[in-house]
Protein backbone atom coordinates (compact mmCIF):
# COMPACT_ATOMS: atom_id res chain seq x y z
CA UNK A 1 22.85 23.30 -16.91
CA UNK A 2 25.62 23.06 -19.49
CA UNK A 3 24.91 19.70 -21.14
CA UNK A 4 21.86 17.43 -21.10
CA UNK A 5 22.11 13.71 -21.82
CA UNK A 6 19.01 11.95 -23.13
CA UNK A 7 19.15 8.19 -22.44
CA UNK A 8 16.90 5.91 -24.46
CA UNK A 9 16.98 2.18 -23.63
CA UNK A 10 15.76 0.03 -26.50
CA UNK A 11 15.38 -3.64 -27.39
CA UNK A 12 13.93 -4.66 -30.76
CA UNK A 13 12.57 -1.16 -31.39
CA UNK A 14 13.98 -0.92 -34.94
CA UNK A 15 10.56 0.02 -36.29
CA UNK A 16 10.37 3.25 -34.31
CA UNK A 17 13.75 4.13 -32.75
CA UNK A 18 14.90 6.23 -35.70
CA UNK A 19 11.80 8.42 -35.49
CA UNK A 20 12.18 8.70 -31.71
CA UNK A 21 15.75 9.99 -32.02
CA UNK A 22 14.81 12.44 -34.78
CA UNK A 23 11.82 13.71 -32.83
CA UNK A 24 13.96 14.25 -29.73
CA UNK A 25 16.49 16.27 -31.71
CA UNK A 26 13.77 18.36 -33.37
CA UNK A 27 12.13 19.07 -30.01
CA UNK A 28 15.20 20.29 -28.13
CA UNK A 29 17.66 21.60 -30.72
CA UNK A 30 16.19 25.10 -30.42
CA UNK A 31 16.67 25.14 -26.62
CA UNK A 32 19.44 27.13 -24.96
CA UNK A 33 21.50 24.12 -23.88
CA UNK A 34 23.77 21.54 -25.46
CA UNK A 35 22.62 17.93 -25.56
CA UNK A 36 23.64 14.41 -26.48
CA UNK A 37 21.39 11.45 -27.28
CA UNK A 38 22.46 7.99 -26.07
CA UNK A 39 20.60 4.90 -27.27
CA UNK A 40 21.47 1.74 -25.34
CA UNK A 41 20.76 -1.25 -27.56
CA UNK A 42 19.94 -3.98 -25.05
CA UNK A 43 20.76 -7.07 -27.09
CA UNK A 44 18.33 -6.41 -29.94
CA UNK A 45 17.91 -9.03 -32.66
CA UNK A 46 16.75 -6.45 -35.23
CA UNK A 47 18.27 -3.23 -36.59
CA UNK A 48 17.61 -1.09 -33.49
CA UNK A 49 21.24 -0.07 -32.99
CA UNK A 50 21.89 0.64 -36.67
CA UNK A 51 18.70 2.69 -37.05
CA UNK A 52 19.58 4.77 -33.99
CA UNK A 53 23.11 5.30 -35.29
CA UNK A 54 21.79 6.42 -38.67
CA UNK A 55 19.52 8.92 -36.90
CA UNK A 56 22.57 10.48 -35.24
CA UNK A 57 22.44 8.99 -31.75
CA UNK A 58 25.43 7.74 -29.80
CA UNK A 59 24.82 3.99 -29.59
CA UNK A 60 26.05 1.70 -26.83
CA UNK A 61 25.37 -1.99 -27.39
CA UNK A 62 24.82 -4.87 -24.98
CA UNK A 63 25.87 -8.17 -26.55
CA UNK A 64 22.82 -9.84 -25.00
CA UNK A 65 19.68 -8.70 -23.21
CA UNK A 66 20.37 -7.52 -19.65
CA UNK A 67 17.12 -5.69 -18.97
CA UNK A 68 15.66 -2.22 -19.26
CA UNK A 69 17.16 -1.10 -15.95
CA UNK A 70 20.60 -2.39 -16.93
CA UNK A 71 20.39 -0.34 -20.14
CA UNK A 72 19.54 2.76 -18.11
CA UNK A 73 22.52 2.11 -15.82
CA UNK A 74 24.83 1.78 -18.81
CA UNK A 75 23.55 5.11 -20.12
CA UNK A 76 24.07 6.80 -16.73
CA UNK A 77 27.65 5.52 -16.52
CA UNK A 78 28.45 6.89 -19.96
CA UNK A 79 26.53 10.19 -19.71
CA UNK A 80 28.59 13.35 -20.19
CA UNK A 81 25.85 15.81 -19.20
CA UNK A 82 25.21 17.29 -15.78
CA UNK A 83 21.50 16.51 -16.20
CA UNK A 84 20.08 13.21 -17.48
CA UNK A 85 16.72 12.71 -19.17
CA UNK A 86 15.39 9.14 -19.36
CA UNK A 87 12.68 8.15 -21.80
CA UNK A 88 11.33 5.02 -23.46
CA UNK A 89 12.31 4.01 -26.95
CA UNK A 90 8.86 2.74 -28.01
CA UNK A 91 7.37 6.09 -29.05
CA UNK A 92 5.12 6.55 -25.99
CA UNK A 93 6.75 9.73 -24.75
CA UNK A 94 6.43 13.08 -26.45
CA UNK A 95 9.91 14.69 -26.79
CA UNK A 96 8.25 18.11 -26.55
CA UNK A 97 7.73 17.34 -22.84
CA UNK A 98 11.50 17.28 -22.23
CA UNK A 99 11.90 21.10 -22.07
CA UNK A 100 8.92 21.21 -19.68
CA UNK A 101 10.72 18.85 -17.31
CA UNK A 102 13.99 20.75 -17.55
CA UNK A 103 12.28 24.00 -16.58
CA UNK A 104 12.02 22.65 -13.00
CA UNK A 105 15.33 20.77 -12.65
CA UNK A 106 17.19 23.70 -11.05
CA UNK A 107 14.84 23.63 -8.06
CA UNK A 108 14.56 19.83 -7.78
CA UNK A 109 16.71 16.75 -7.65
CA UNK A 110 14.40 14.98 -10.08
CA UNK A 111 11.42 15.93 -12.28
CA UNK A 112 9.02 13.20 -13.43
CA UNK A 113 6.46 13.19 -16.21
CA UNK A 114 3.22 12.06 -14.55
CA UNK A 115 0.90 10.29 -16.98
CA UNK A 116 -2.75 11.29 -16.95
CA UNK A 117 -5.43 8.67 -16.24
CA UNK A 118 -6.42 8.36 -19.88
CA UNK A 119 -2.78 7.51 -20.73
CA UNK A 120 -3.07 4.06 -19.11
CA UNK A 121 -3.04 1.39 -21.82
CA UNK A 122 -5.34 -1.05 -19.96
CA UNK A 123 -7.72 -0.79 -17.01
CA UNK A 124 -5.88 -3.39 -14.92
CA UNK A 125 -2.57 -1.56 -15.39
CA UNK A 126 -4.28 1.61 -14.21
CA UNK A 127 -5.55 -0.18 -11.09
CA UNK A 128 -2.10 -1.67 -10.40
CA UNK A 129 -0.41 1.73 -10.77
CA UNK A 130 -2.97 3.28 -8.39
CA UNK A 131 -2.09 0.64 -5.75
CA UNK A 132 1.65 1.21 -6.24
CA UNK A 133 1.23 4.98 -6.05
CA UNK A 134 -0.79 4.78 -2.82
CA UNK A 135 1.66 2.43 -1.12
CA UNK A 136 4.68 4.48 -2.19
CA UNK A 137 2.96 7.71 -1.08
CA UNK A 138 2.42 6.24 2.38
CA UNK A 139 6.05 5.13 2.69
CA UNK A 140 7.48 8.42 1.42
CA UNK A 141 4.91 10.65 3.20
CA UNK A 142 4.36 12.50 -0.07
CA UNK A 143 1.68 12.09 -2.72
CA UNK A 144 3.24 10.31 -5.70
CA UNK A 145 0.99 10.63 -8.77
CA UNK A 146 3.04 8.31 -11.01
CA UNK A 147 5.57 5.91 -9.50
CA UNK A 148 6.51 3.99 -12.66
CA UNK A 149 6.78 6.71 -15.31
CA UNK A 150 9.78 6.21 -17.59
CA UNK A 151 10.05 9.89 -18.57
CA UNK A 152 12.10 11.79 -16.01
CA UNK A 153 14.95 14.27 -15.64
CA UNK A 154 17.48 13.94 -12.84
CA UNK A 155 20.79 15.49 -11.88
CA UNK A 156 23.63 13.23 -13.00
CA UNK A 157 25.41 13.19 -9.63
CA UNK A 158 22.18 12.12 -7.93
CA UNK A 159 21.50 9.36 -10.47
CA UNK A 160 25.01 7.95 -10.01
CA UNK A 161 24.65 8.06 -6.24
CA UNK A 162 21.75 5.57 -6.38
CA UNK A 163 23.10 3.56 -9.31
CA UNK A 164 23.92 0.52 -7.16
CA UNK A 165 20.29 0.31 -5.99
CA UNK A 166 18.73 0.16 -9.45
CA UNK A 167 17.63 -3.29 -10.62
CA UNK A 168 18.26 -4.56 -14.13
CA UNK A 169 14.55 -4.82 -14.87
CA UNK A 170 11.64 -2.51 -15.69
CA UNK A 171 11.21 -1.55 -12.02
CA UNK A 172 14.11 0.93 -12.01
CA UNK A 173 11.72 3.98 -11.97
CA UNK A 174 10.15 2.66 -8.75
CA UNK A 175 13.53 2.26 -7.07
CA UNK A 176 14.89 5.60 -8.23
CA UNK A 177 11.76 7.53 -7.22
CA UNK A 178 11.60 6.15 -3.68
CA UNK A 179 15.36 6.41 -3.14
CA UNK A 180 15.38 10.09 -4.12
CA UNK A 181 12.39 10.83 -1.89
CA UNK A 182 13.75 9.00 1.15
CA UNK A 183 17.15 10.69 0.73
CA UNK A 184 15.43 14.05 1.23
CA UNK A 185 15.65 15.51 -2.28
CA UNK A 186 12.84 17.49 -3.88
CA UNK A 187 10.86 15.76 -6.64
CA UNK A 188 8.45 17.59 -8.93
CA UNK A 189 5.77 16.13 -11.21
CA UNK A 190 4.72 17.53 -14.58
CA UNK A 191 1.52 16.17 -16.20
CA UNK A 192 2.13 14.48 -19.56
CA UNK A 193 0.08 12.60 -22.13
CA UNK A 194 1.57 9.24 -23.13
CA UNK A 195 0.73 7.75 -26.51
CA UNK A 196 0.13 4.03 -27.13
CA UNK A 197 3.41 2.23 -27.65
CA UNK A 198 4.47 0.92 -31.04
CA UNK A 199 4.64 -2.88 -30.92
CA UNK A 200 3.95 -5.27 -28.05
CA UNK A 201 4.72 -4.37 -24.44
CA UNK A 202 7.49 -6.37 -22.76
CA UNK A 203 6.00 -5.89 -19.26
CA UNK A 204 4.12 -8.89 -17.84
CA UNK A 205 1.35 -8.07 -15.34
CA UNK A 206 1.87 -10.88 -12.80
CA UNK A 207 5.65 -11.25 -12.98
CA UNK A 208 6.52 -7.55 -13.07
CA UNK A 209 3.64 -6.60 -10.75
CA UNK A 210 5.01 -8.83 -7.97
CA UNK A 211 8.48 -7.47 -8.68
CA UNK A 212 7.26 -3.87 -8.32
CA UNK A 213 5.72 -4.69 -4.91
CA UNK A 214 8.92 -6.35 -3.73
CA UNK A 215 10.93 -3.34 -4.87
CA UNK A 216 8.64 -1.00 -2.90
CA UNK A 217 9.07 -3.06 0.28
CA UNK A 218 12.82 -3.35 -0.33
CA UNK A 219 13.27 0.42 -0.57
CA UNK A 220 10.89 0.95 2.36
CA UNK A 221 12.89 -1.35 4.65
CA UNK A 222 16.10 0.28 3.43
CA UNK A 223 15.10 3.90 4.00
CA UNK A 224 12.04 3.86 6.30
CA UNK A 225 11.68 0.44 7.96
CA UNK A 226 9.37 1.60 10.78
CA UNK A 227 6.73 2.39 8.15
CA UNK A 228 6.56 -1.38 7.55
CA UNK A 229 7.41 -2.97 10.90
CA UNK A 230 5.19 -0.84 13.18
CA UNK A 231 1.91 -1.50 11.28
CA UNK A 232 2.83 -5.20 11.03
CA UNK A 233 3.56 -5.31 14.78
CA UNK A 234 0.25 -3.62 15.62
CA UNK A 235 -1.66 -5.97 13.28
CA UNK A 236 -0.16 -9.09 14.92
CA UNK A 237 -0.84 -7.69 18.40
CA UNK A 238 -4.48 -7.06 17.45
CA UNK A 239 -4.79 -10.65 16.20
CA UNK A 240 -3.47 -11.87 19.55
CA UNK A 241 -5.89 -9.67 21.47
CA UNK A 242 -8.87 -10.73 19.32
CA UNK A 243 -7.95 -14.39 19.82
CA UNK A 244 -7.78 -13.81 23.59
CA UNK A 245 -11.23 -12.17 23.65
CA UNK A 246 -12.73 -15.04 21.63
CA UNK A 247 -11.15 -17.58 23.98
CA UNK A 248 -12.50 -15.81 27.08
CA UNK A 249 -16.02 -15.64 25.60
CA UNK A 250 -16.09 -19.28 24.48
CA UNK A 251 -13.92 -21.10 27.02
CA UNK A 252 -13.45 -18.81 30.00
CA UNK A 253 -10.71 -16.64 31.55
CA UNK A 254 -7.73 -18.42 30.07
CA UNK A 255 -4.62 -17.16 28.24
CA UNK A 256 -4.36 -19.23 25.05
CA UNK A 257 -0.90 -20.21 23.70
CA UNK A 258 -1.74 -18.59 20.34
CA UNK A 259 -2.21 -15.21 22.03
CA UNK A 260 1.15 -15.57 23.80
CA UNK A 261 2.91 -16.42 20.54
CA UNK A 262 1.27 -13.55 18.66
CA UNK A 263 2.09 -11.00 21.39
CA UNK A 264 5.73 -12.12 21.53
CA UNK A 265 5.89 -11.95 17.73
CA UNK A 266 4.48 -8.44 17.83
CA UNK A 267 7.15 -7.28 20.29
CA UNK A 268 9.89 -8.94 18.22
CA UNK A 269 8.64 -7.24 15.04
CA UNK A 270 8.68 -3.86 16.78
CA UNK A 271 12.26 -4.29 17.98
CA UNK A 272 13.30 -5.58 14.57
CA UNK A 273 11.91 -2.34 13.17
CA UNK A 274 13.96 -0.29 15.64
CA UNK A 275 17.13 -2.18 14.73
CA UNK A 276 16.39 -1.79 11.02
CA UNK A 277 15.86 1.94 11.56
CA UNK A 278 19.32 2.23 13.12
CA UNK A 279 20.86 0.27 10.25
CA UNK A 280 19.01 2.55 7.83
CA UNK A 281 20.51 5.62 9.49
CA UNK A 282 24.01 4.12 9.28
CA UNK A 283 23.44 3.26 5.62
CA UNK A 284 22.21 6.77 4.86
CA UNK A 285 25.17 8.37 6.69
CA UNK A 286 27.57 6.10 4.80
CA UNK A 287 25.91 7.03 1.50
CA UNK A 288 26.19 10.74 2.29
CA UNK A 289 29.83 10.44 3.36
CA UNK A 290 30.64 8.40 0.30
CA UNK A 291 29.17 11.12 -1.91
CA UNK A 292 31.19 13.80 -0.11
CA UNK A 293 34.38 11.74 -0.37
CA UNK A 294 33.77 11.19 -4.07
CA UNK A 295 33.27 14.92 -4.65
CA UNK A 296 36.40 15.72 -2.64
CA UNK A 297 38.40 13.14 -4.57
CA UNK A 298 37.22 14.55 -7.88
CA UNK A 299 38.12 18.08 -6.73
CA UNK A 300 41.60 16.97 -5.62
CA UNK A 301 42.11 15.13 -8.89
CA UNK A 302 41.16 18.24 -10.85
CA UNK A 303 43.51 20.41 -8.77
CA UNK A 304 46.34 17.92 -9.27
CA UNK A 305 45.70 17.85 -13.01
CA UNK A 306 45.74 21.65 -13.14
CA UNK A 307 49.00 21.67 -11.18
CA UNK A 308 50.54 19.19 -13.61
CA UNK A 309 49.38 21.29 -16.56
CA UNK A 310 50.89 24.43 -14.98
CA UNK A 311 54.19 22.63 -14.37
CA UNK A 312 54.22 21.39 -17.97
CA UNK A 313 53.66 24.94 -19.20
CA UNK A 314 56.49 26.22 -16.97
CA UNK A 315 58.85 23.51 -18.21
CA UNK A 316 57.92 24.35 -21.79
CA UNK A 317 58.67 28.04 -21.24
CA UNK A 318 62.02 27.22 -19.61
CA UNK A 319 62.96 24.97 -22.52
CA UNK A 320 62.13 27.72 -25.01
CA UNK A 321 64.31 30.21 -23.05
CA UNK A 322 67.21 27.75 -23.00
CA UNK A 323 66.92 27.20 -26.77
CA UNK A 324 66.89 30.98 -27.37
CA UNK A 325 70.01 31.43 -25.21
CA UNK A 326 71.75 28.62 -27.10
CA UNK A 327 70.89 30.28 -30.41
CA UNK A 328 72.33 33.61 -29.24
CA UNK A 329 75.55 32.02 -28.08
């Protein structure tokens, strides 16, 4: 770990962003690694960008609001470090937790700060997060204690591999977590205590809650479709069977049209799941091959650049020898 990039997305956080940047620097400047702090100003109408710049951060500005996820993606594209730390710009996250996350990054693809139960700002948000965590744990076959935490450390190459999947909204942690799990990378969780945010939250319960659920199903059908299609197929088949039993008890031994339709639908769902699973495998293989080709291309580019530099040095030496011979003659 040579360089760590801390990415802080912010919109209208001028009241607190300067303190956040200063606290991050104070927390990690004594660590045995170099770091850079990137604040992505996502179309703020206040002095967020200027305050972050005054605090010493590298500021990248969006001319208008694109979304929290879009700000994270901008930071990932511009990160120079080989490890990226993402955190919120509203003062909720304690920068002293960053070294605790980085302690585990060598053994994991991603390390997430898992908020304790008393860190939930409202009871209904705690209930919603519990539902999301349970559903994501089922899909990933791994207990996920905090699906939506914004404090996480991830290897830069891994973050860029899933960059195209990340939405422009607040649900990017959900997408990134499930994508990393389903791709077979290790994820570790470190308990953290989150403070109340400064200012008003920009997350809306109904709008963003529905979006989180859709993101979970999207990633599930992309990486593990049978986890969705098989239970749905069984449920529809059970409905058809129950309807048949009711019909036999009330009318007599007769096969109702509704049972036929439900059974056919169940079979179709199952085969759709099998087809989706094959597509998922092709997608995963393509993603893996694309990553290998990118690494190979980068390696070839570096070798070519080194060859050019060596040739330039050789030409320079030859020119110096020619000039010396001309001076002697």
